[in-house]
C-alpha atoms as a PDB file:
ATOM      1  CA  MET A   1     -28.530 -36.306  14.179  1.00  0.00           C
ATOM      2  CA  GLY A   2     -26.153 -36.010  11.261  1.00  0.00           C
ATOM      3  CA  LEU A   3     -25.975 -32.199  11.319  1.00  0.00           C
ATOM      4  CA  LYS A   4     -23.219 -30.773   9.157  1.00  0.00           C
ATOM      5  CA  PRO A   5     -22.171 -27.137   9.665  1.00  0.00           C
ATOM      6  CA  LEU A   6     -21.671 -25.097   6.499  1.00  0.00           C
ATOM      7  CA  ILE A   7     -18.701 -22.800   7.042  1.00  0.00           C
ATOM      8  CA  THR A   8     -17.278 -19.971   4.958  1.00  0.00           C
ATOM      9  CA  PHE A   9     -14.142 -17.913   5.393  1.00  0.00           C
ATOM     10  CA  GLU A  10     -14.537 -14.166   4.951  1.00  0.00           C
ATOM     11  CA  ASP A  11     -11.908 -11.569   5.792  1.00  0.00           C
ATOM     12  CA  GLY A  12      -9.799 -14.215   7.526  1.00  0.00           C
ATOM     13  CA  GLU A  13     -12.597 -15.395   9.814  1.00  0.00           C
ATOM     14  CA  ALA A  14     -14.600 -18.605   9.808  1.00  0.00           C
ATOM     15  CA  LYS A  15     -18.363 -18.062   9.843  1.00  0.00           C
ATOM     16  CA  ILE A  16     -21.129 -20.644  10.083  1.00  0.00           C
ATOM     17  CA  ILE A  17     -23.591 -19.893   7.295  1.00  0.00           C
ATOM     18  CA  GLY A  18     -25.987 -22.756   7.886  1.00  0.00           C
ATOM     19  CA  LYS A  19     -26.455 -26.385   8.772  1.00  0.00           C
ATOM     20  CA  ALA A  20     -27.502 -29.373   6.729  1.00  0.00           C
ATOM     21  CA  ARG A  21     -28.747 -32.768   7.827  1.00  0.00           C
ATOM     22  CA  GLY A  22     -26.604 -35.495   6.241  1.00  0.00           C
ATOM     23  CA  ASP A  23     -23.966 -35.608   3.528  1.00  0.00           C
ATOM     24  CA  LYS A  24     -26.423 -35.431   0.632  1.00  0.00           C
ATOM     25  CA  LYS A  25     -28.003 -32.172   1.789  1.00  0.00           C
ATOM     26  CA  ALA A  26     -24.617 -30.721   2.789  1.00  0.00           C
ATOM     27  CA  ILE A  27     -23.186 -31.450  -0.665  1.00  0.00           C
ATOM     28  CA  SER A  28     -26.157 -29.963  -2.503  1.00  0.00           C
ATOM     29  CA  SER A  29     -25.994 -26.865  -0.265  1.00  0.00           C
ATOM     30  CA  LEU A  30     -22.267 -26.413  -0.970  1.00  0.00           C
ATOM     31  CA  VAL A  31     -22.740 -26.754  -4.718  1.00  0.00           C
ATOM     32  CA  GLU A  32     -25.753 -24.395  -4.769  1.00  0.00           C
ATOM     33  CA  ARG A  33     -23.818 -21.768  -2.825  1.00  0.00           C
ATOM     34  CA  CYS A  34     -20.846 -22.117  -5.174  1.00  0.00           C
ATOM     35  CA  ILE A  35     -23.103 -21.670  -8.199  1.00  0.00           C
ATOM     36  CA  SER A  36     -24.712 -18.555  -6.752  1.00  0.00           C
ATOM     37  CA  GLU A  37     -21.490 -16.866  -5.561  1.00  0.00           C
ATOM     38  CA  ARG A  38     -18.791 -17.936  -8.015  1.00  0.00           C
ATOM     39  CA  LYS A  39     -18.368 -16.025 -11.251  1.00  0.00           C
ATOM     40  CA  PRO A  40     -19.148 -18.384 -14.162  1.00  0.00           C
ATOM     41  CA  GLY A  41     -16.058 -19.921 -15.703  1.00  0.00           C
ATOM     42  CA  THR A  42     -13.709 -19.104 -12.823  1.00  0.00           C
ATOM     43  CA  ASN A  43     -11.605 -21.856 -11.319  1.00  0.00           C
ATOM     44  CA  TYR A  44     -12.362 -23.787  -8.162  1.00  0.00           C
ATOM     45  CA  SER A  45     -10.678 -26.490  -6.108  1.00  0.00           C
ATOM     46  CA  LEU A  46     -11.987 -29.272  -3.883  1.00  0.00           C
ATOM     47  CA  VAL A  47     -10.779 -30.137  -0.375  1.00  0.00           C
ATOM     48  CA  TYR A  48     -11.375 -33.245   1.689  1.00  0.00           C
ATOM     49  CA  GLY A  49     -10.399 -35.053   4.858  1.00  0.00           C
ATOM     50  CA  ASN A  50     -10.968 -38.729   5.657  1.00  0.00           C
ATOM     51  CA  ASN A  51     -14.471 -39.108   4.209  1.00  0.00           C
ATOM     52  CA  GLY A  52     -13.647 -40.464   0.759  1.00  0.00           C
ATOM     53  CA  GLU A  53     -17.226 -41.476   0.004  1.00  0.00           C
ATOM     54  CA  ALA A  54     -18.589 -37.962   0.616  1.00  0.00           C
ATOM     55  CA  PHE A  55     -15.702 -36.473  -1.361  1.00  0.00           C
ATOM     56  CA  GLU A  56     -16.509 -38.644  -4.383  1.00  0.00           C
ATOM     57  CA  LYS A  57     -20.153 -37.524  -4.163  1.00  0.00           C
ATOM     58  CA  LEU A  58     -19.009 -33.881  -4.021  1.00  0.00           C
ATOM     59  CA  LYS A  59     -16.797 -34.408  -7.104  1.00  0.00           C
ATOM     60  CA  THR A  60     -19.720 -35.932  -8.983  1.00  0.00           C
ATOM     61  CA  ALA A  61     -22.096 -33.129  -7.960  1.00  0.00           C
ATOM     62  CA  CYS A  62     -19.585 -30.474  -9.039  1.00  0.00           C
ATOM     63  CA  ALA A  63     -18.971 -32.210 -12.372  1.00  0.00           C
ATOM     64  CA  GLU A  64     -22.713 -32.199 -13.064  1.00  0.00           C
ATOM     65  CA  ALA A  65     -23.439 -28.631 -11.898  1.00  0.00           C
ATOM     66  CA  LEU A  66     -20.344 -26.591 -12.823  1.00  0.00           C
ATOM     67  CA  GLU A  67     -19.126 -26.046 -16.350  1.00  0.00           C
ATOM     68  CA  ILE A  68     -15.442 -26.790 -15.705  1.00  0.00           C
ATOM     69  CA  PRO A  69     -13.553 -29.413 -13.662  1.00  0.00           C
ATOM     70  CA  PRO A  70     -11.681 -28.408 -10.502  1.00  0.00           C
ATOM     71  CA  ILE A  71      -8.125 -27.190 -11.016  1.00  0.00           C
ATOM     72  CA  ALA A  72      -6.935 -29.117  -7.939  1.00  0.00           C
ATOM     73  CA  GLU A  73      -7.965 -31.495  -5.178  1.00  0.00           C
ATOM     74  CA  TYR A  74      -6.356 -31.137  -1.763  1.00  0.00           C
ATOM     75  CA  GLN A  75      -6.432 -33.350   1.287  1.00  0.00           C
ATOM     76  CA  VAL A  76      -6.439 -31.089   4.346  1.00  0.00           C
ATOM     77  CA  GLY A  77      -3.635 -31.338   6.852  1.00  0.00           C
ATOM     78  CA  CYS A  78      -3.737 -31.688  10.592  1.00  0.00           C
ATOM     79  CA  VAL A  79      -4.015 -27.935  11.315  1.00  0.00           C
ATOM     80  CA  ILE A  80      -7.259 -27.585   9.384  1.00  0.00           C
ATOM     81  CA  GLY A  81      -8.478 -31.046  10.360  1.00  0.00           C
ATOM     82  CA  ILE A  82      -8.153 -30.343  14.066  1.00  0.00           C
ATOM     83  CA  ASN A  83     -10.415 -27.301  13.648  1.00  0.00           C
ATOM     84  CA  THR A  84     -12.970 -28.826  11.282  1.00  0.00           C
ATOM     85  CA  GLY A  85     -12.974 -32.484  12.172  1.00  0.00           C
ATOM     86  CA  PRO A  86     -11.598 -35.317  10.064  1.00  0.00           C
ATOM     87  CA  ASN A  87     -14.533 -35.605   7.633  1.00  0.00           C
ATOM     88  CA  ILE A  88     -14.316 -32.177   6.038  1.00  0.00           C
ATOM     89  CA  ILE A  89     -15.285 -31.674   2.396  1.00  0.00           C
ATOM     90  CA  GLY A  90     -15.404 -28.340   0.653  1.00  0.00           C
ATOM     91  CA  ILE A  91     -15.160 -26.166  -2.416  1.00  0.00           C
ATOM     92  CA  LEU A  92     -12.616 -23.354  -2.664  1.00  0.00           C
ATOM     93  CA  TYR A  93     -13.436 -20.453  -4.989  1.00  0.00           C
ATOM     94  CA  ARG A  94     -13.222 -16.676  -5.244  1.00  0.00           C
ATOM     95  CA  THR A  95     -16.318 -14.512  -5.275  1.00  0.00           C
END
């Protein structure tokens, strides 16, 4: 089916905030949420697992939609990967 869960971390807990069908919709949902929650001009970072193609699409979408580049890009380790799956992509930012 290609369903991708959209997960946030609040107060130390993971919460599912929605689902998207396919990488394209998941990426646009992540970027839209970042735009609506992140204070303009504040820094953000990108995270990724083994899905390099989706990560490159996320980087491109962020470059087009956000006014500054990410301050860092991190590949997740095994502890996060075992909980999220190997194809994780995400945006880290403060609200």
